[in-house]
Amino acid sequence: MFYLSGQALQCYECKLGFWKLCFTTKKTCEAGEHCYSGVGKAAGLVDIKKKGCLEVSKCNKTEQVNFPSNSSTQVYQMTKTCCSADLCNSAPGHFHVSAVSMAFAAISSVFTLKFLI
């Protein structure tokens, strides 16, 4: 899809979501970026999600995230799928959650991971 000069792609952004909880805002992408939805699994149990703008060259790829970054200890793996229309990265059944719900989910996930590691 091509955009006229001065028009920018609008996407939903979720910095980090757990299970079906994802606190989203709208974001304007830079030139050369598409909207993306990322899905993955941490510690083999916790579903994680991300949304936002992504460089086209990084679209439709699976990324392994290690911690610390120079180690071979995989924290999670995420597949990022891109689309190129305004607000196209909203999944069916997608909903906004409050910051309190998101904080609760994040804290619960940390405790779950601590018991597994």
PDB file of N, CA and C in Angstrom:
ATOM      1  N   MET A   1       0.846  -1.167   0.000  1.00  0.00           N
ATOM      2  CA  MET A   1       0.000   0.000   0.000  1.00  0.00           C
ATOM      3  C   MET A   1       0.892   1.231   0.000  1.00  0.00           C
ATOM      4  N   PHE A   2       0.527   2.228  -0.762  1.00  0.00           N
ATOM      5  CA  PHE A   2       1.303   3.449  -0.837  1.00  0.00           C
ATOM      6  C   PHE A   2       0.565   4.572  -0.125  1.00  0.00           C
ATOM      7  N   TYR A   3       1.311   5.447   0.508  1.00  0.00           N
ATOM      8  CA  TYR A   3       0.726   6.579   1.221  1.00  0.00           C
ATOM      9  C   TYR A   3       1.190   7.861   0.565  1.00  0.00           C
ATOM     10  N   LEU A   4       0.314   8.822   0.486  1.00  0.00           N
ATOM     11  CA  LEU A   4       0.669  10.117  -0.065  1.00  0.00           C
ATOM     12  C   LEU A   4       1.626  10.823   0.877  1.00  0.00           C
ATOM     13  N   SER A   5       2.415  11.707   0.331  1.00  0.00           N
ATOM     14  CA  SER A   5       3.338  12.472   1.149  1.00  0.00           C
ATOM     15  C   SER A   5       2.565  13.188   2.251  1.00  0.00           C
ATOM     16  N   GLY A   6       3.073  13.105   3.466  1.00  0.00           N
ATOM     17  CA  GLY A   6       2.404  13.755   4.583  1.00  0.00           C
ATOM     18  C   GLY A   6       1.445  12.838   5.325  1.00  0.00           C
ATOM     19  N   GLN A   7       1.137  11.664   4.762  1.00  0.00           N
ATOM     20  CA  GLN A   7       0.275  10.716   5.457  1.00  0.00           C
ATOM     21  C   GLN A   7       1.142   9.653   6.108  1.00  0.00           C
ATOM     22  N   ALA A   8       0.785   9.286   7.321  1.00  0.00           N
ATOM     23  CA  ALA A   8       1.549   8.257   8.023  1.00  0.00           C
ATOM     24  C   ALA A   8       0.610   7.157   8.488  1.00  0.00           C
ATOM     25  N   LEU A   9       1.149   5.975   8.595  1.00  0.00           N
ATOM     26  CA  LEU A   9       0.389   4.812   9.018  1.00  0.00           C
ATOM     27  C   LEU A   9       0.112   4.880  10.519  1.00  0.00           C
ATOM     28  N   GLN A  10      -1.121   4.610  10.911  1.00  0.00           N
ATOM     29  CA  GLN A  10      -1.522   4.556  12.317  1.00  0.00           C
ATOM     30  C   GLN A  10      -1.636   3.087  12.726  1.00  0.00           C
ATOM     31  N   CYS A  11      -1.070   2.753  13.878  1.00  0.00           N
ATOM     32  CA  CYS A  11      -1.115   1.377  14.374  1.00  0.00           C
ATOM     33  C   CYS A  11      -1.474   1.376  15.852  1.00  0.00           C
ATOM     34  N   TYR A  12      -1.961   0.218  16.316  1.00  0.00           N
ATOM     35  CA  TYR A  12      -2.121   0.031  17.748  1.00  0.00           C
ATOM     36  C   TYR A  12      -0.765  -0.348  18.315  1.00  0.00           C
ATOM     37  N   GLU A  13      -0.477   0.140  19.531  1.00  0.00           N
ATOM     38  CA  GLU A  13       0.770  -0.212  20.197  1.00  0.00           C
ATOM     39  C   GLU A  13       0.451  -0.814  21.560  1.00  0.00           C
ATOM     40  N   CYS A  14       1.066  -1.939  21.828  1.00  0.00           N
ATOM     41  CA  CYS A  14       1.004  -2.598  23.132  1.00  0.00           C
ATOM     42  C   CYS A  14       2.442  -2.998  23.430  1.00  0.00           C
ATOM     43  N   LYS A  15       3.040  -2.377  24.416  1.00  0.00           N
ATOM     44  CA  LYS A  15       4.452  -2.633  24.692  1.00  0.00           C
ATOM     45  C   LYS A  15       4.698  -4.052  25.189  1.00  0.00           C
ATOM     46  N   LEU A  16       3.777  -4.597  25.982  1.00  0.00           N
ATOM     47  CA  LEU A  16       3.874  -5.983  26.426  1.00  0.00           C
ATOM     48  C   LEU A  16       2.555  -6.403  27.041  1.00  0.00           C
ATOM     49  N   GLY A  17       1.986  -7.472  26.516  1.00  0.00           N
ATOM     50  CA  GLY A  17       0.725  -7.995  27.034  1.00  0.00           C
ATOM     51  C   GLY A  17       0.878  -9.449  27.424  1.00  0.00           C
ATOM     52  N   PHE A  18       0.045  -9.881  28.348  1.00  0.00           N
ATOM     53  CA  PHE A  18       0.063 -11.266  28.815  1.00  0.00           C
ATOM     54  C   PHE A  18      -1.295 -11.888  28.589  1.00  0.00           C
ATOM     55  N   TRP A  19      -1.292 -13.138  28.111  1.00  0.00           N
ATOM     56  CA  TRP A  19      -2.508 -13.862  27.764  1.00  0.00           C
ATOM     57  C   TRP A  19      -3.343 -12.988  26.838  1.00  0.00           C
ATOM     58  N   LYS A  20      -4.563 -12.671  27.156  1.00  0.00           N
ATOM     59  CA  LYS A  20      -5.392 -11.847  26.279  1.00  0.00           C
ATOM     60  C   LYS A  20      -5.421 -10.384  26.720  1.00  0.00           C
ATOM     61  N   LEU A  21      -4.621 -10.019  27.718  1.00  0.00           N
ATOM     62  CA  LEU A  21      -4.581  -8.645  28.212  1.00  0.00           C
ATOM     63  C   LEU A  21      -3.500  -7.862  27.479  1.00  0.00           C
ATOM     64  N   CYS A  22      -3.895  -6.749  26.893  1.00  0.00           N
ATOM     65  CA  CYS A  22      -2.933  -5.925  26.170  1.00  0.00           C
ATOM     66  C   CYS A  22      -3.420  -4.480  26.210  1.00  0.00           C
ATOM     67  N   PHE A  23      -2.749  -3.621  26.958  1.00  0.00           N
ATOM     68  CA  PHE A  23      -3.122  -2.217  27.054  1.00  0.00           C
ATOM     69  C   PHE A  23      -2.610  -1.515  25.801  1.00  0.00           C
ATOM     70  N   THR A  24      -3.526  -1.011  24.976  1.00  0.00           N
ATOM     71  CA  THR A  24      -3.123  -0.433  23.692  1.00  0.00           C
ATOM     72  C   THR A  24      -3.351   1.069  23.632  1.00  0.00           C
ATOM     73  N   THR A  25      -2.497   1.698  22.849  1.00  0.00           N
ATOM     74  CA  THR A  25      -2.645   3.100  22.482  1.00  0.00           C
ATOM     75  C   THR A  25      -2.461   3.161  20.968  1.00  0.00           C
ATOM     76  N   LYS A  26      -2.720   4.319  20.383  1.00  0.00           N
ATOM     77  CA  LYS A  26      -2.481   4.488  18.947  1.00  0.00           C
ATOM     78  C   LYS A  26      -1.130   5.157  18.756  1.00  0.00           C
ATOM     79  N   LYS A  27      -0.436   4.733  17.703  1.00  0.00           N
ATOM     80  CA  LYS A  27       0.893   5.265  17.414  1.00  0.00           C
ATOM     81  C   LYS A  27       1.006   5.557  15.928  1.00  0.00           C
ATOM     82  N   THR A  28       1.720   6.610  15.586  1.00  0.00           N
ATOM     83  CA  THR A  28       2.009   6.947  14.196  1.00  0.00           C
ATOM     84  C   THR A  28       3.380   6.382  13.843  1.00  0.00           C
ATOM     85  N   CYS A  29       3.431   5.596  12.791  1.00  0.00           N
ATOM     86  CA  CYS A  29       4.684   4.956  12.376  1.00  0.00           C
ATOM     87  C   CYS A  29       5.574   5.920  11.602  1.00  0.00           C
ATOM     88  N   GLU A  30       6.842   5.589  11.596  1.00  0.00           N
ATOM     89  CA  GLU A  30       7.825   6.317  10.802  1.00  0.00           C
ATOM     90  C   GLU A  30       7.800   5.766   9.375  1.00  0.00           C
ATOM     91  N   ALA A  31       8.430   6.486   8.452  1.00  0.00           N
ATOM     92  CA  ALA A  31       8.551   6.001   7.072  1.00  0.00           C
ATOM     93  C   ALA A  31       9.298   4.670   7.084  1.00  0.00           C
ATOM     94  N   GLY A  32       8.858   3.723   6.274  1.00  0.00           N
ATOM     95  CA  GLY A  32       9.510   2.423   6.192  1.00  0.00           C
ATOM     96  C   GLY A  32       9.061   1.433   7.253  1.00  0.00           C
ATOM     97  N   GLU A  33       8.009   1.774   7.994  1.00  0.00           N
ATOM     98  CA  GLU A  33       7.489   0.871   9.015  1.00  0.00           C
ATOM     99  C   GLU A  33       6.070   0.436   8.684  1.00  0.00           C
ATOM    100  N   HIS A  34       5.714  -0.765   9.125  1.00  0.00           N
ATOM    101  CA  HIS A  34       4.357  -1.297   9.015  1.00  0.00           C
ATOM    102  C   HIS A  34       3.848  -1.590  10.419  1.00  0.00           C
ATOM    103  N   CYS A  35       2.553  -1.821  10.538  1.00  0.00           N
ATOM    104  CA  CYS A  35       1.978  -2.270  11.805  1.00  0.00           C
ATOM    105  C   CYS A  35       2.358  -3.739  11.997  1.00  0.00           C
ATOM    106  N   TYR A  36       2.508  -4.153  13.250  1.00  0.00           N
ATOM    107  CA  TYR A  36       2.763  -5.573  13.500  1.00  0.00           C
ATOM    108  C   TYR A  36       2.015  -6.041  14.742  1.00  0.00           C
ATOM    109  N   SER A  37       1.782  -7.333  14.770  1.00  0.00           N
ATOM    110  CA  SER A  37       1.280  -8.029  15.953  1.00  0.00           C
ATOM    111  C   SER A  37       2.270  -9.139  16.236  1.00  0.00           C
ATOM    112  N   GLY A  38       2.747  -9.187  17.465  1.00  0.00           N
ATOM    113  CA  GLY A  38       3.687 -10.222  17.859  1.00  0.00           C
ATOM    114  C   GLY A  38       3.066 -11.146  18.885  1.00  0.00           C
ATOM    115  N   VAL A  39       3.261 -12.443  18.695  1.00  0.00           N
ATOM    116  CA  VAL A  39       2.776 -13.429  19.664  1.00  0.00           C
ATOM    117  C   VAL A  39       3.917 -14.373  20.011  1.00  0.00           C
ATOM    118  N   GLY A  40       3.965 -14.746  21.280  1.00  0.00           N
ATOM    119  CA  GLY A  40       5.010 -15.648  21.726  1.00  0.00           C
ATOM    120  C   GLY A  40       4.634 -16.326  23.019  1.00  0.00           C
ATOM    121  N   LYS A  41       5.606 -17.052  23.568  1.00  0.00           N
ATOM    122  CA  LYS A  41       5.367 -17.775  24.810  1.00  0.00           C
ATOM    123  C   LYS A  41       6.642 -17.707  25.638  1.00  0.00           C
ATOM    124  N   ALA A  42       6.486 -17.305  26.911  1.00  0.00           N
ATOM    125  CA  ALA A  42       7.616 -17.233  27.834  1.00  0.00           C
ATOM    126  C   ALA A  42       7.589 -18.447  28.751  1.00  0.00           C
ATOM    127  N   ALA A  43       8.739 -19.030  28.982  1.00  0.00           N
ATOM    128  CA  ALA A  43       8.894 -20.190  29.857  1.00  0.00           C
ATOM    129  C   ALA A  43       7.956 -21.327  29.477  1.00  0.00           C
ATOM    130  N   GLY A  44       7.519 -21.355  28.235  1.00  0.00           N
ATOM    131  CA  GLY A  44       6.639 -22.407  27.767  1.00  0.00           C
ATOM    132  C   GLY A  44       5.225 -22.346  28.307  1.00  0.00           C
ATOM    133  N   LEU A  45       4.902 -21.326  29.109  1.00  0.00           N
ATOM    134  CA  LEU A  45       3.590 -21.250  29.753  1.00  0.00           C
ATOM    135  C   LEU A  45       2.841 -19.945  29.541  1.00  0.00           C
ATOM    136  N   VAL A  46       3.547 -18.837  29.571  1.00  0.00           N
ATOM    137  CA  VAL A  46       2.908 -17.524  29.579  1.00  0.00           C
ATOM    138  C   VAL A  46       2.803 -16.977  28.159  1.00  0.00           C
ATOM    139  N   ASP A  47       1.573 -16.788  27.676  1.00  0.00           N
ATOM    140  CA  ASP A  47       1.368 -16.175  26.360  1.00  0.00           C
ATOM    141  C   ASP A  47       1.687 -14.695  26.461  1.00  0.00           C
ATOM    142  N   ILE A  48       2.518 -14.206  25.544  1.00  0.00           N
ATOM    143  CA  ILE A  48       2.849 -12.787  25.528  1.00  0.00           C
ATOM    144  C   ILE A  48       2.501 -12.207  24.166  1.00  0.00           C
ATOM    145  N   LYS A  49       2.205 -10.906  24.171  1.00  0.00           N
ATOM    146  CA  LYS A  49       1.818 -10.210  22.948  1.00  0.00           C
ATOM    147  C   LYS A  49       2.476  -8.839  22.912  1.00  0.00           C
ATOM    148  N   LYS A  50       2.738  -8.378  21.704  1.00  0.00           N
ATOM    149  CA  LYS A  50       3.215  -7.019  21.468  1.00  0.00           C
ATOM    150  C   LYS A  50       2.548  -6.523  20.199  1.00  0.00           C
ATOM    151  N   LYS A  51       2.376  -5.219  20.097  1.00  0.00           N
ATOM    152  CA  LYS A  51       1.846  -4.581  18.888  1.00  0.00           C
ATOM    153  C   LYS A  51       2.576  -3.260  18.710  1.00  0.00           C
ATOM    154  N   GLY A  52       2.610  -2.780  17.483  1.00  0.00           N
ATOM    155  CA  GLY A  52       3.227  -1.487  17.253  1.00  0.00           C
ATOM    156  C   GLY A  52       3.654  -1.313  15.813  1.00  0.00           C
ATOM    157  N   CYS A  53       4.688  -0.492  15.638  1.00  0.00           N
ATOM    158  CA  CYS A  53       5.277  -0.225  14.327  1.00  0.00           C
ATOM    159  C   CYS A  53       6.607  -0.971  14.249  1.00  0.00           C
ATOM    160  N   LEU A  54       6.930  -1.476  13.067  1.00  0.00           N
ATOM    161  CA  LEU A  54       8.139  -2.273  12.901  1.00  0.00           C
ATOM    162  C   LEU A  54       8.726  -2.016  11.522  1.00  0.00           C
ATOM    163  N   GLU A  55      10.064  -1.966  11.453  1.00  0.00           N
ATOM    164  CA  GLU A  55      10.731  -1.830  10.162  1.00  0.00           C
ATOM    165  C   GLU A  55      10.309  -2.986   9.264  1.00  0.00           C
ATOM    166  N   VAL A  56      10.038  -2.684   8.011  1.00  0.00           N
ATOM    167  CA  VAL A  56       9.568  -3.699   7.066  1.00  0.00           C
ATOM    168  C   VAL A  56      10.530  -4.886   6.996  1.00  0.00           C
ATOM    169  N   SER A  57      11.825  -4.648   7.093  1.00  0.00           N
ATOM    170  CA  SER A  57      12.813  -5.733   6.998  1.00  0.00           C
ATOM    171  C   SER A  57      12.721  -6.725   8.160  1.00  0.00           C
ATOM    172  N   LYS A  58      12.053  -6.348   9.249  1.00  0.00           N
ATOM    173  CA  LYS A  58      11.915  -7.229  10.420  1.00  0.00           C
ATOM    174  C   LYS A  58      10.554  -7.917  10.471  1.00  0.00           C
ATOM    175  N   CYS A  59       9.727  -7.675   9.459  1.00  0.00           N
ATOM    176  CA  CYS A  59       8.375  -8.240   9.432  1.00  0.00           C
ATOM    177  C   CYS A  59       8.382  -9.732   9.130  1.00  0.00           C
ATOM    178  N   ASN A  60       7.350 -10.408   9.644  1.00  0.00           N
ATOM    179  CA  ASN A  60       7.095 -11.818   9.356  1.00  0.00           C
ATOM    180  C   ASN A  60       8.291 -12.706   9.680  1.00  0.00           C
ATOM    181  N   LYS A  61       8.884 -12.445  10.844  1.00  0.00           N
ATOM    182  CA  LYS A  61      10.026 -13.225  11.312  1.00  0.00           C
ATOM    183  C   LYS A  61       9.798 -13.630  12.764  1.00  0.00           C
ATOM    184  N   THR A  62      10.493 -14.687  13.166  1.00  0.00           N
ATOM    185  CA  THR A  62      10.452 -15.130  14.559  1.00  0.00           C
ATOM    186  C   THR A  62      11.756 -14.718  15.222  1.00  0.00           C
ATOM    187  N   GLU A  63      11.634 -14.101  16.391  1.00  0.00           N
ATOM    188  CA  GLU A  63      12.780 -13.571  17.121  1.00  0.00           C
ATOM    189  C   GLU A  63      12.922 -14.326  18.441  1.00  0.00           C
ATOM    190  N   GLN A  64      14.145 -14.699  18.767  1.00  0.00           N
ATOM    191  CA  GLN A  64      14.432 -15.324  20.057  1.00  0.00           C
ATOM    192  C   GLN A  64      15.015 -14.258  20.962  1.00  0.00           C
ATOM    193  N   VAL A  65      14.455 -14.089  22.152  1.00  0.00           N
ATOM    194  CA  VAL A  65      14.929 -13.084  23.096  1.00  0.00           C
ATOM    195  C   VAL A  65      15.620 -13.798  24.253  1.00  0.00           C
ATOM    196  N   ASN A  66      16.894 -13.465  24.457  1.00  0.00           N
ATOM    197  CA  ASN A  66      17.696 -14.067  25.521  1.00  0.00           C
ATOM    198  C   ASN A  66      17.940 -13.056  26.633  1.00  0.00           C
ATOM    199  N   PHE A  67      18.160 -13.559  27.844  1.00  0.00           N
ATOM    200  CA  PHE A  67      18.528 -12.679  28.952  1.00  0.00           C
ATOM    201  C   PHE A  67      19.604 -13.359  29.775  1.00  0.00           C
ATOM    202  N   PRO A  68      20.720 -12.682  30.026  1.00  0.00           N
ATOM    203  CA  PRO A  68      21.114 -11.433  29.375  1.00  0.00           C
ATOM    204  C   PRO A  68      21.262 -11.633  27.868  1.00  0.00           C
ATOM    205  N   SER A  69      21.261 -10.545  27.146  1.00  0.00           N
ATOM    206  CA  SER A  69      21.190 -10.609  25.682  1.00  0.00           C
ATOM    207  C   SER A  69      22.344 -11.382  25.045  1.00  0.00           C
ATOM    208  N   ASN A  70      23.490 -11.446  25.697  1.00  0.00           N
ATOM    209  CA  ASN A  70      24.637 -12.159  25.115  1.00  0.00           C
ATOM    210  C   ASN A  70      24.716 -13.616  25.585  1.00  0.00           C
ATOM    211  N   SER A  71      23.682 -14.104  26.265  1.00  0.00           N
ATOM    212  CA  SER A  71      23.684 -15.489  26.744  1.00  0.00           C
ATOM    213  C   SER A  71      22.865 -16.381  25.816  1.00  0.00           C
ATOM    214  N   SER A  72      22.840 -17.663  26.138  1.00  0.00           N
ATOM    215  CA  SER A  72      22.014 -18.591  25.363  1.00  0.00           C
ATOM    216  C   SER A  72      20.744 -18.963  26.134  1.00  0.00           C
ATOM    217  N   THR A  73      20.454 -18.229  27.203  1.00  0.00           N
ATOM    218  CA  THR A  73      19.255 -18.485  27.999  1.00  0.00           C
ATOM    219  C   THR A  73      18.069 -17.778  27.362  1.00  0.00           C
ATOM    220  N   GLN A  74      17.220 -18.555  26.713  1.00  0.00           N
ATOM    221  CA  GLN A  74      16.065 -17.978  26.011  1.00  0.00           C
ATOM    222  C   GLN A  74      14.964 -17.639  27.005  1.00  0.00           C
ATOM    223  N   VAL A  75      14.503 -16.387  26.967  1.00  0.00           N
ATOM    224  CA  VAL A  75      13.405 -15.950  27.819  1.00  0.00           C
ATOM    225  C   VAL A  75      12.085 -16.205  27.103  1.00  0.00           C
ATOM    226  N   TYR A  76      12.031 -15.812  25.837  1.00  0.00           N
ATOM    227  CA  TYR A  76      10.840 -16.091  25.040  1.00  0.00           C
ATOM    228  C   TYR A  76      11.169 -16.012  23.562  1.00  0.00           C
ATOM    229  N   GLN A  77      10.262 -16.533  22.763  1.00  0.00           N
ATOM    230  CA  GLN A  77      10.349 -16.481  21.307  1.00  0.00           C
ATOM    231  C   GLN A  77       9.079 -15.801  20.822  1.00  0.00           C
ATOM    232  N   MET A  78       9.196 -14.888  19.855  1.00  0.00           N
ATOM    233  CA  MET A  78       8.038 -14.143  19.379  1.00  0.00           C
ATOM    234  C   MET A  78       8.036 -14.068  17.859  1.00  0.00           C
ATOM    235  N   THR A  79       6.875 -14.338  17.272  1.00  0.00           N
ATOM    236  CA  THR A  79       6.682 -14.198  15.834  1.00  0.00           C
ATOM    237  C   THR A  79       5.942 -12.898  15.578  1.00  0.00           C
ATOM    238  N   LYS A  80       6.520 -12.056  14.721  1.00  0.00           N
ATOM    239  CA  LYS A  80       5.941 -10.746  14.412  1.00  0.00           C
ATOM    240  C   LYS A  80       5.392 -10.757  12.989  1.00  0.00           C
ATOM    241  N   THR A  81       4.084 -10.526  12.875  1.00  0.00           N
ATOM    242  CA  THR A  81       3.389 -10.516  11.591  1.00  0.00           C
ATOM    243  C   THR A  81       2.958  -9.090  11.281  1.00  0.00           C
ATOM    244  N   CYS A  82       3.220  -8.632  10.062  1.00  0.00           N
ATOM    245  CA  CYS A  82       2.946  -7.240   9.694  1.00  0.00           C
ATOM    246  C   CYS A  82       1.744  -7.084   8.770  1.00  0.00           C
ATOM    247  N   CYS A  83       1.217  -5.873   8.761  1.00  0.00           N
ATOM    248  CA  CYS A  83       0.151  -5.473   7.845  1.00  0.00           C
ATOM    249  C   CYS A  83       0.358  -3.990   7.540  1.00  0.00           C
ATOM    250  N   SER A  84      -0.292  -3.484   6.497  1.00  0.00           N
ATOM    251  CA  SER A  84       0.046  -2.127   6.049  1.00  0.00           C
ATOM    252  C   SER A  84      -1.162  -1.221   5.824  1.00  0.00           C
ATOM    253  N   ALA A  85      -2.178  -1.353   6.666  1.00  0.00           N
ATOM    254  CA  ALA A  85      -3.331  -0.446   6.608  1.00  0.00           C
ATOM    255  C   ALA A  85      -3.511   0.175   7.992  1.00  0.00           C
ATOM    256  N   ASP A  86      -4.123   1.335   8.047  1.00  0.00           N
ATOM    257  CA  ASP A  86      -4.334   1.988   9.334  1.00  0.00           C
ATOM    258  C   ASP A  86      -5.043   1.069  10.320  1.00  0.00           C
ATOM    259  N   LEU A  87      -4.462   0.953  11.512  1.00  0.00           N
ATOM    260  CA  LEU A  87      -5.024   0.194  12.640  1.00  0.00           C
ATOM    261  C   LEU A  87      -5.344  -1.258  12.289  1.00  0.00           C
ATOM    262  N   CYS A  88      -4.557  -1.827  11.391  1.00  0.00           N
ATOM    263  CA  CYS A  88      -4.799  -3.206  10.930  1.00  0.00           C
ATOM    264  C   CYS A  88      -4.316  -4.254  11.924  1.00  0.00           C
ATOM    265  N   ASN A  89      -3.569  -3.860  12.949  1.00  0.00           N
ATOM    266  CA  ASN A  89      -3.008  -4.843  13.874  1.00  0.00           C
ATOM    267  C   ASN A  89      -3.865  -5.071  15.119  1.00  0.00           C
ATOM    268  N   SER A  90      -5.158  -4.904  14.960  1.00  0.00           N
ATOM    269  CA  SER A  90      -6.089  -5.229  16.035  1.00  0.00           C
ATOM    270  C   SER A  90      -6.680  -6.599  15.751  1.00  0.00           C
ATOM    271  N   ALA A  91      -6.499  -7.528  16.682  1.00  0.00           N
ATOM    272  CA  ALA A  91      -6.989  -8.898  16.486  1.00  0.00           C
ATOM    273  C   ALA A  91      -8.476  -8.978  16.773  1.00  0.00           C
ATOM    274  N   PRO A  92      -9.177  -9.958  16.187  1.00  0.00           N
ATOM    275  CA  PRO A  92     -10.586 -10.160  16.534  1.00  0.00           C
ATOM    276  C   PRO A  92     -10.709 -10.403  18.029  1.00  0.00           C
ATOM    277  N   GLY A  93     -11.701  -9.804  18.632  1.00  0.00           N
ATOM    278  CA  GLY A  93     -11.904  -9.948  20.062  1.00  0.00           C
ATOM    279  C   GLY A  93     -10.955  -9.090  20.873  1.00  0.00           C
ATOM    280  N   HIS A  94     -10.183  -8.253  20.203  1.00  0.00           N
ATOM    281  CA  HIS A  94      -9.225  -7.383  20.868  1.00  0.00           C
ATOM    282  C   HIS A  94      -9.958  -6.378  21.735  1.00  0.00           C
ATOM    283  N   PHE A  95      -9.437  -6.131  22.913  1.00  0.00           N
ATOM    284  CA  PHE A  95     -10.066  -5.146  23.775  1.00  0.00           C
ATOM    285  C   PHE A  95      -8.999  -4.399  24.545  1.00  0.00           C
ATOM    286  N   HIS A  96      -9.379  -3.240  25.019  1.00  0.00           N
ATOM    287  CA  HIS A  96      -8.475  -2.431  25.825  1.00  0.00           C
ATOM    288  C   HIS A  96      -8.668  -2.812  27.286  1.00  0.00           C
ATOM    289  N   VAL A  97      -7.591  -2.822  28.054  1.00  0.00           N
ATOM    290  CA  VAL A  97      -7.699  -3.098  29.477  1.00  0.00           C
ATOM    291  C   VAL A  97      -7.123  -1.933  30.253  1.00  0.00           C
ATOM    292  N   SER A  98      -7.495  -1.843  31.499  1.00  0.00           N
ATOM    293  CA  SER A  98      -6.995  -0.748  32.321  1.00  0.00           C
ATOM    294  C   SER A  98      -5.545  -1.012  32.705  1.00  0.00           C
ATOM    295  N   ALA A  99      -4.859   0.035  33.097  1.00  0.00           N
ATOM    296  CA  ALA A  99      -3.475  -0.091  33.530  1.00  0.00           C
ATOM    297  C   ALA A  99      -3.387  -0.961  34.782  1.00  0.00           C
ATOM    298  N   VAL A 100      -4.392  -0.912  35.650  1.00  0.00           N
ATOM    299  CA  VAL A 100      -4.396  -1.729  36.866  1.00  0.00           C
ATOM    300  C   VAL A 100      -4.450  -3.213  36.506  1.00  0.00           C
ATOM    301  N   SER A 101      -5.319  -3.581  35.569  1.00  0.00           N
ATOM    302  CA  SER A 101      -5.409  -4.979  35.141  1.00  0.00           C
ATOM    303  C   SER A 101      -4.100  -5.435  34.520  1.00  0.00           C
ATOM    304  N   MET A 102      -3.490  -4.569  33.733  1.00  0.00           N
ATOM    305  CA  MET A 102      -2.224  -4.907  33.090  1.00  0.00           C
ATOM    306  C   MET A 102      -1.132  -5.098  34.138  1.00  0.00           C
ATOM    307  N   ALA A 103      -1.089  -4.231  35.148  1.00  0.00           N
ATOM    308  CA  ALA A 103      -0.092  -4.353  36.211  1.00  0.00           C
ATOM    309  C   ALA A 103      -0.280  -5.664  36.971  1.00  0.00           C
ATOM    310  N   PHE A 104      -1.521  -6.012  37.264  1.00  0.00           N
ATOM    311  CA  PHE A 104      -1.806  -7.271  37.954  1.00  0.00           C
ATOM    312  C   PHE A 104      -1.316  -8.461  37.125  1.00  0.00           C
ATOM    313  N   ALA A 105      -1.584  -8.444  35.841  1.00  0.00           N
ATOM    314  CA  ALA A 105      -1.154  -9.535  34.964  1.00  0.00           C
ATOM    315  C   ALA A 105       0.369  -9.620  34.917  1.00  0.00           C
ATOM    316  N   ALA A 106       1.045  -8.476  34.857  1.00  0.00           N
ATOM    317  CA  ALA A 106       2.507  -8.461  34.806  1.00  0.00           C
ATOM    318  C   ALA A 106       3.100  -9.026  36.092  1.00  0.00           C
ATOM    319  N   ILE A 107       2.568  -8.615  37.233  1.00  0.00           N
ATOM    320  CA  ILE A 107       3.072  -9.104  38.518  1.00  0.00           C
ATOM    321  C   ILE A 107       2.830 -10.605  38.645  1.00  0.00           C
ATOM    322  N   SER A 108       1.657 -11.053  38.244  1.00  0.00           N
ATOM    323  CA  SER A 108       1.341 -12.484  38.293  1.00  0.00           C
ATOM    324  C   SER A 108       2.307 -13.285  37.431  1.00  0.00           C
ATOM    325  N   SER A 109       2.634 -12.767  36.259  1.00  0.00           N
ATOM    326  CA  SER A 109       3.552 -13.459  35.355  1.00  0.00           C
ATOM    327  C   SER A 109       4.952 -13.550  35.940  1.00  0.00           C
ATOM    328  N   VAL A 110       5.400 -12.480  36.588  1.00  0.00           N
ATOM    329  CA  VAL A 110       6.730 -12.483  37.200  1.00  0.00           C
ATOM    330  C   VAL A 110       6.802 -13.554  38.281  1.00  0.00           C
ATOM    331  N   PHE A 111       5.775 -13.621  39.132  1.00  0.00           N
ATOM    332  CA  PHE A 111       5.760 -14.649  40.171  1.00  0.00           C
ATOM    333  C   PHE A 111       5.737 -16.045  39.567  1.00  0.00           C
ATOM    334  N   THR A 112       4.960 -16.238  38.516  1.00  0.00           N
ATOM    335  CA  THR A 112       4.896 -17.538  37.851  1.00  0.00           C
ATOM    336  C   THR A 112       6.265 -17.924  37.308  1.00  0.00           C
ATOM    337  N   LEU A 113       6.944 -16.988  36.647  1.00  0.00           N
ATOM    338  CA  LEU A 113       8.259 -17.271  36.078  1.00  0.00           C
ATOM    339  C   LEU A 113       9.288 -17.565  37.162  1.00  0.00           C
ATOM    340  N   LYS A 114       9.215 -16.858  38.310  1.00  0.00           N
ATOM    341  CA  LYS A 114      10.169 -17.091  39.397  1.00  0.00           C
ATOM    342  C   LYS A 114      10.058 -18.517  39.922  1.00  0.00           C
ATOM    343  N   PHE A 115       8.843 -19.042  39.990  1.00  0.00           N
ATOM    344  CA  PHE A 115       8.659 -20.399  40.478  1.00  0.00           C
ATOM    345  C   PHE A 115       9.127 -21.438  39.464  1.00  0.00           C
ATOM    346  N   LEU A 116       9.138 -21.082  38.194  1.00  0.00           N
ATOM    347  CA  LEU A 116       9.528 -22.024  37.150  1.00  0.00           C
ATOM    348  C   LEU A 116      11.025 -22.050  36.900  1.00  0.00           C
ATOM    349  N   ILE A 117      11.694 -20.971  37.246  1.00  0.00           N
ATOM    350  CA  ILE A 117      13.132 -20.862  36.932  1.00  0.00           C
ATOM    351  C   ILE A 117      13.973 -21.299  38.108  1.00  0.00           C
TER     352      ILE A 117
END
